[in-house]
C-alpha atoms as a PDB file:
ATOM      1  CA  MET A   1     136.495  72.760 135.281  1.00  0.00           C
ATOM      2  CA  GLY A   2     132.898  73.457 136.433  1.00  0.00           C
ATOM      3  CA  SER A   3     130.197  75.306 134.641  1.00  0.00           C
ATOM      4  CA  THR A   4     128.137  78.380 135.318  1.00  0.00           C
ATOM      5  CA  SER A   5     124.376  78.367 135.812  1.00  0.00           C
ATOM      6  CA  SER A   6     124.042  79.207 132.104  1.00  0.00           C
ATOM      7  CA  GLY A   7     125.763  75.977 131.079  1.00  0.00           C
ATOM      8  CA  GLN A   8     128.859  77.875 129.882  1.00  0.00           C
ATOM      9  CA  PRO A   9     132.122  76.367 131.220  1.00  0.00           C
ATOM     10  CA  ASP A  10     133.759  78.475 133.948  1.00  0.00           C
ATOM     11  CA  GLY A  11     136.163  80.978 132.472  1.00  0.00           C
ATOM     12  CA  ALA A  12     135.244  80.116 128.861  1.00  0.00           C
ATOM     13  CA  ARG A  13     134.460  82.932 126.469  1.00  0.00           C
ATOM     14  CA  ASP A  14     132.899  82.748 123.064  1.00  0.00           C
ATOM     15  CA  ARG A  15     135.524  83.789 120.488  1.00  0.00           C
ATOM     16  CA  ASP A  16     135.757  83.518 116.731  1.00  0.00           C
ATOM     17  CA  ASP A  17     138.838  82.226 114.881  1.00  0.00           C
ATOM     18  CA  GLU A  18     140.404  85.691 115.040  1.00  0.00           C
ATOM     19  CA  GLY A  19     139.879  86.018 118.796  1.00  0.00           C
ATOM     20  CA  ARG A  20     136.978  88.493 118.625  1.00  0.00           C
ATOM     21  CA  ALA A  21     134.275  88.082 121.246  1.00  0.00           C
ATOM     22  CA  ARG A  22     131.210  86.287 119.885  1.00  0.00           C
ATOM     23  CA  ASN A  23     128.152  85.108 121.759  1.00  0.00           C
ATOM     24  CA  ALA A  24     127.523  81.497 120.789  1.00  0.00           C
ATOM     25  CA  ARG A  25     124.430  81.153 122.967  1.00  0.00           C
ATOM     26  CA  PRO A  26     121.379  79.950 121.096  1.00  0.00           C
ATOM     27  CA  ARG A  27     118.766  82.609 120.422  1.00  0.00           C
ATOM     28  CA  ASP A  28     115.013  82.671 120.060  1.00  0.00           C
ATOM     29  CA  GLY A  29     113.191  84.057 117.025  1.00  0.00           C
ATOM     30  CA  LEU A  30     113.519  87.608 118.366  1.00  0.00           C
ATOM     31  CA  GLY A  31     117.253  87.244 118.967  1.00  0.00           C
ATOM     32  CA  ARG A  32     117.002  86.888 122.760  1.00  0.00           C
ATOM     33  CA  PRO A  33     119.735  84.698 124.267  1.00  0.00           C
ATOM     34  CA  LEU A  34     118.661  81.312 125.558  1.00  0.00           C
ATOM     35  CA  PRO A  35     120.548  78.970 127.905  1.00  0.00           C
ATOM     36  CA  TYR A  36     123.518  77.265 126.238  1.00  0.00           C
ATOM     37  CA  ASP A  37     121.794  73.870 126.301  1.00  0.00           C
ATOM     38  CA  ALA A  38     118.502  75.154 124.781  1.00  0.00           C
ATOM     39  CA  GLU A  39     117.384  74.589 121.206  1.00  0.00           C
ATOM     40  CA  GLY A  40     117.462  77.943 119.467  1.00  0.00           C
ATOM     41  CA  VAL A  41     116.552  79.367 116.098  1.00  0.00           C
ATOM     42  CA  ALA A  42     119.232  79.100 113.420  1.00  0.00           C
ATOM     43  CA  ARG A  43     121.330  82.254 113.431  1.00  0.00           C
ATOM     44  CA  GLN A  44     121.623  84.489 110.441  1.00  0.00           C
ATOM     45  CA  PRO A  45     125.174  84.276 109.097  1.00  0.00           C
ATOM     46  CA  GLU A  46     127.084  87.546 109.420  1.00  0.00           C
ATOM     47  CA  GLY A  47     129.114  89.299 106.757  1.00  0.00           C
ATOM     48  CA  VAL A  48     127.266  87.833 103.781  1.00  0.00           C
ATOM     49  CA  VAL A  49     127.535  89.924 100.628  1.00  0.00           C
ATOM     50  CA  ARG A  50     124.271  89.761  98.686  1.00  0.00           C
ATOM     51  CA  ALA A  51     122.919  91.594  95.699  1.00  0.00           C
ATOM     52  CA  PRO A  52     120.609  94.361  96.981  1.00  0.00           C
ATOM     53  CA  ASP A  53     117.502  92.690  95.533  1.00  0.00           C
ATOM     54  CA  ARG A  54     118.460  89.476  97.356  1.00  0.00           C
ATOM     55  CA  SER A  55     118.840  91.434 100.606  1.00  0.00           C
ATOM     56  CA  VAL A  56     115.314  92.817 100.198  1.00  0.00           C
ATOM     57  CA  VAL A  57     113.857  89.358  99.495  1.00  0.00           C
ATOM     58  CA  GLU A  58     115.677  87.647 102.378  1.00  0.00           C
ATOM     59  CA  ALA A  59     114.838  90.417 104.834  1.00  0.00           C
ATOM     60  CA  GLN A  60     111.167  90.283 103.832  1.00  0.00           C
ATOM     61  CA  GLU A  61     111.069  86.503 104.349  1.00  0.00           C
ATOM     62  CA  LEU A  62     112.547  86.924 107.820  1.00  0.00           C
ATOM     63  CA  LEU A  63     110.182  89.772 108.695  1.00  0.00           C
ATOM     64  CA  ASP A  64     107.187  87.737 107.536  1.00  0.00           C
ATOM     65  CA  ALA A  65     108.385  84.829 109.713  1.00  0.00           C
ATOM     66  CA  GLY A  66     108.404  87.099 112.775  1.00  0.00           C
ATOM     67  CA  LYS A  67     112.209  87.332 112.879  1.00  0.00           C
ATOM     68  CA  PRO A  68     112.988  91.044 112.642  1.00  0.00           C
ATOM     69  CA  PHE A  69     116.237  90.572 114.594  1.00  0.00           C
ATOM     70  CA  HIS A  70     117.455  88.271 111.839  1.00  0.00           C
ATOM     71  CA  ALA A  71     116.218  90.663 109.137  1.00  0.00           C
ATOM     72  CA  HIS A  72     118.280  93.366 110.815  1.00  0.00           C
ATOM     73  CA  GLU A  73     121.371  91.205 110.242  1.00  0.00           C
ATOM     74  CA  VAL A  74     120.611  91.076 106.499  1.00  0.00           C
ATOM     75  CA  PHE A  75     120.187  94.859 106.370  1.00  0.00           C
ATOM     76  CA  GLU A  76     123.374  95.324 108.381  1.00  0.00           C
ATOM     77  CA  ASP A  77     125.308  93.190 105.899  1.00  0.00           C
ATOM     78  CA  ALA A  78     123.951  95.352 103.050  1.00  0.00           C
ATOM     79  CA  TRP A  79     124.901  98.538 104.882  1.00  0.00           C
ATOM     80  CA  LYS A  80     128.415  97.316 105.586  1.00  0.00           C
ATOM     81  CA  SER A  81     129.125  95.772 102.176  1.00  0.00           C
ATOM     82  CA  GLY A  82     127.208  98.067  99.839  1.00  0.00           C
ATOM     83  CA  PRO A  83     128.211 101.319  98.198  1.00  0.00           C
ATOM     84  CA  ALA A  84     128.895 104.193 100.582  1.00  0.00           C
ATOM     85  CA  GLU A  85     126.108 106.286  99.065  1.00  0.00           C
ATOM     86  CA  GLU A  86     123.517 103.641 100.086  1.00  0.00           C
ATOM     87  CA  ARG A  87     124.686 102.982 103.627  1.00  0.00           C
ATOM     88  CA  ALA A  88     122.219 105.403 105.228  1.00  0.00           C
ATOM     89  CA  LEU A  89     119.313 103.604 103.528  1.00  0.00           C
ATOM     90  CA  TRP A  90     120.339 100.148 104.717  1.00  0.00           C
ATOM     91  CA  ARG A  91     121.203 101.450 108.186  1.00  0.00           C
ATOM     92  CA  GLY A  92     117.736 103.024 108.408  1.00  0.00           C
ATOM     93  CA  LEU A  93     116.106  99.746 107.373  1.00  0.00           C
ATOM     94  CA  ALA A  94     118.204  97.923 109.991  1.00  0.00           C
ATOM     95  CA  GLN A  95     117.013 100.415 112.622  1.00  0.00           C
ATOM     96  CA  LEU A  96     113.407  99.724 111.642  1.00  0.00           C
ATOM     97  CA  ALA A  97     113.951  95.970 112.021  1.00  0.00           C
ATOM     98  CA  VAL A  98     115.541  96.484 115.437  1.00  0.00           C
ATOM     99  CA  GLY A  99     112.691  98.804 116.408  1.00  0.00           C
ATOM    100  CA  LEU A 100     110.201  96.062 115.547  1.00  0.00           C
ATOM    101  CA  THR A 101     112.361  93.595 117.498  1.00  0.00           C
ATOM    102  CA  HIS A 102     112.252  95.765 120.610  1.00  0.00           C
ATOM    103  CA  ALA A 103     108.518  96.403 120.254  1.00  0.00           C
ATOM    104  CA  ALA A 104     107.945  92.633 120.034  1.00  0.00           C
ATOM    105  CA  ARG A 105     110.236  91.909 122.999  1.00  0.00           C
ATOM    106  CA  GLY A 106     108.347  94.416 125.164  1.00  0.00           C
ATOM    107  CA  ASN A 107     111.004  97.163 125.182  1.00  0.00           C
ATOM    108  CA  LEU A 108     108.401  99.658 124.049  1.00  0.00           C
ATOM    109  CA  THR A 109     110.382 102.859 124.619  1.00  0.00           C
ATOM    110  CA  GLY A 110     113.371 101.530 122.672  1.00  0.00           C
ATOM    111  CA  GLY A 111     111.103 100.173 119.959  1.00  0.00           C
ATOM    112  CA  VAL A 112     109.316 103.481 119.452  1.00  0.00           C
ATOM    113  CA  ARG A 113     112.597 105.401 119.435  1.00  0.00           C
ATOM    114  CA  LEU A 114     114.214 103.135 116.819  1.00  0.00           C
ATOM    115  CA  LEU A 115     111.100 102.994 114.641  1.00  0.00           C
ATOM    116  CA  ARG A 116     111.003 106.797 114.518  1.00  0.00           C
ATOM    117  CA  ARG A 117     114.761 107.130 113.960  1.00  0.00           C
ATOM    118  CA  GLY A 118     114.706 104.539 111.180  1.00  0.00           C
ATOM    119  CA  ALA A 119     111.642 106.161 109.586  1.00  0.00           C
ATOM    120  CA  ALA A 120     113.447 109.517 109.471  1.00  0.00           C
ATOM    121  CA  ALA A 121     116.493 107.920 107.827  1.00  0.00           C
ATOM    122  CA  VAL A 122     114.449 105.995 105.265  1.00  0.00           C
ATOM    123  CA  GLU A 123     112.217 109.001 104.560  1.00  0.00           C
ATOM    124  CA  GLU A 124     115.170 110.818 103.029  1.00  0.00           C
ATOM    125  CA  TRP A 125     115.349 108.010 100.466  1.00  0.00           C
ATOM    126  CA  ALA A 126     111.585 107.918  99.951  1.00  0.00           C
ATOM    127  CA  SER A 127     111.492 111.569  98.992  1.00  0.00           C
ATOM    128  CA  GLY A 128     115.063 112.082  97.800  1.00  0.00           C
ATOM    129  CA  SER A 129     116.245 113.101  94.380  1.00  0.00           C
ATOM    130  CA  GLY A 130     117.731 109.721  93.488  1.00  0.00           C
ATOM    131  CA  GLU A 131     115.982 106.633  92.200  1.00  0.00           C
ATOM    132  CA  PRO A 132     112.411 106.962  93.507  1.00  0.00           C
ATOM    133  CA  ARG A 133     112.078 103.300  94.483  1.00  0.00           C
ATOM    134  CA  PRO A 134     115.515 101.831  95.113  1.00  0.00           C
ATOM    135  CA  TYR A 135     115.389  98.091  94.513  1.00  0.00           C
ATOM    136  CA  ARG A 136     111.627  98.421  93.967  1.00  0.00           C
ATOM    137  CA  MET A 137     111.046  99.111  97.676  1.00  0.00           C
ATOM    138  CA  ASP A 138     108.002 101.129  98.695  1.00  0.00           C
ATOM    139  CA  LEU A 139     109.938 103.362 101.050  1.00  0.00           C
ATOM    140  CA  ALA A 140     107.095 105.834 101.553  1.00  0.00           C
ATOM    141  CA  GLY A 141     104.937 102.890 102.605  1.00  0.00           C
ATOM    142  CA  VAL A 142     107.682 101.598 104.917  1.00  0.00           C
ATOM    143  CA  VAL A 143     107.978 105.028 106.544  1.00  0.00           C
ATOM    144  CA  ALA A 144     104.188 105.189 107.037  1.00  0.00           C
ATOM    145  CA  TRP A 145     104.242 101.657 108.516  1.00  0.00           C
ATOM    146  CA  ALA A 146     107.005 102.581 110.980  1.00  0.00           C
ATOM    147  CA  ARG A 147     105.302 105.752 112.165  1.00  0.00           C
ATOM    148  CA  GLU A 148     101.946 104.020 112.551  1.00  0.00           C
ATOM    149  CA  LEU A 149     103.521 101.152 114.497  1.00  0.00           C
ATOM    150  CA  ALA A 150     105.422 103.591 116.738  1.00  0.00           C
ATOM    151  CA  ASP A 151     102.186 105.469 117.443  1.00  0.00           C
ATOM    152  CA  ASP A 152     100.307 102.219 118.172  1.00  0.00           C
ATOM    153  CA  VAL A 153     103.002 100.907 120.515  1.00  0.00           C
ATOM    154  CA  GLU A 154     103.231 104.228 122.330  1.00  0.00           C
ATOM    155  CA  ARG A 155      99.435 104.532 122.668  1.00  0.00           C
ATOM    156  CA  ASP A 156      98.652 100.898 123.541  1.00  0.00           C
ATOM    157  CA  GLY A 157     101.684 100.173 125.720  1.00  0.00           C
ATOM    158  CA  VAL A 158     101.826  96.481 124.788  1.00  0.00           C
ATOM    159  CA  ALA A 159     104.288  94.295 122.909  1.00  0.00           C
ATOM    160  CA  VAL A 160     103.387  93.506 119.308  1.00  0.00           C
ATOM    161  CA  ASP A 161     103.408  90.309 117.266  1.00  0.00           C
ATOM    162  CA  ALA A 162     106.435  90.833 115.011  1.00  0.00           C
ATOM    163  CA  GLY A 163     105.146  88.648 112.179  1.00  0.00           C
ATOM    164  CA  ALA A 164     101.671  90.178 112.201  1.00  0.00           C
ATOM    165  CA  ARG A 165     103.083  93.725 112.205  1.00  0.00           C
ATOM    166  CA  ALA A 166     105.884  93.156 109.669  1.00  0.00           C
ATOM    167  CA  PRO A 167     106.288  95.826 106.993  1.00  0.00           C
ATOM    168  CA  ARG A 168     105.861  95.180 103.274  1.00  0.00           C
ATOM    169  CA  LEU A 169     109.166  96.340 101.799  1.00  0.00           C
ATOM    170  CA  ARG A 170     107.821  96.275  98.277  1.00  0.00           C
ATOM    171  CA  GLY A 171     104.249  97.251  99.092  1.00  0.00           C
ATOM    172  CA  GLY A 172     101.208  95.136  98.378  1.00  0.00           C
ATOM    173  CA  SER A 173      99.814  92.495 100.658  1.00  0.00           C
END
């Protein structure tokens, strides 16, 4: 059997143990696929159930490291495994991480769109009637960050440095 130009064997497909399609290609820090034989960044495991505070800490570490794609995976796990009443919050945070990913990759239109969509979703939690700072997150600050970044990307028309423009989930420096 030969191989394709990507290094993937002809006819082979990436599948998990249950037969679901999975892309096993290595990825860079922004989640972009690399050739099969390239050295990539360690992937974020999927389906991990974490305490919400742990999700915030892990996502912040990944954001600070310039890996918003990986932070999105942490938020997605929280949205899928957490209580139904919190899913919109975690989904909004995941959208913000993906928006930053796109803005860093140079997909400026997609980045702006997702930053604004995520900001709108998170804003409901920032000003809602529930706990004012769920898991000690500064959601009003996160919303302001997202809107400012969206405006900057739209105005400047250039990709951003994901680590330098990472949000502070719990405020402060």
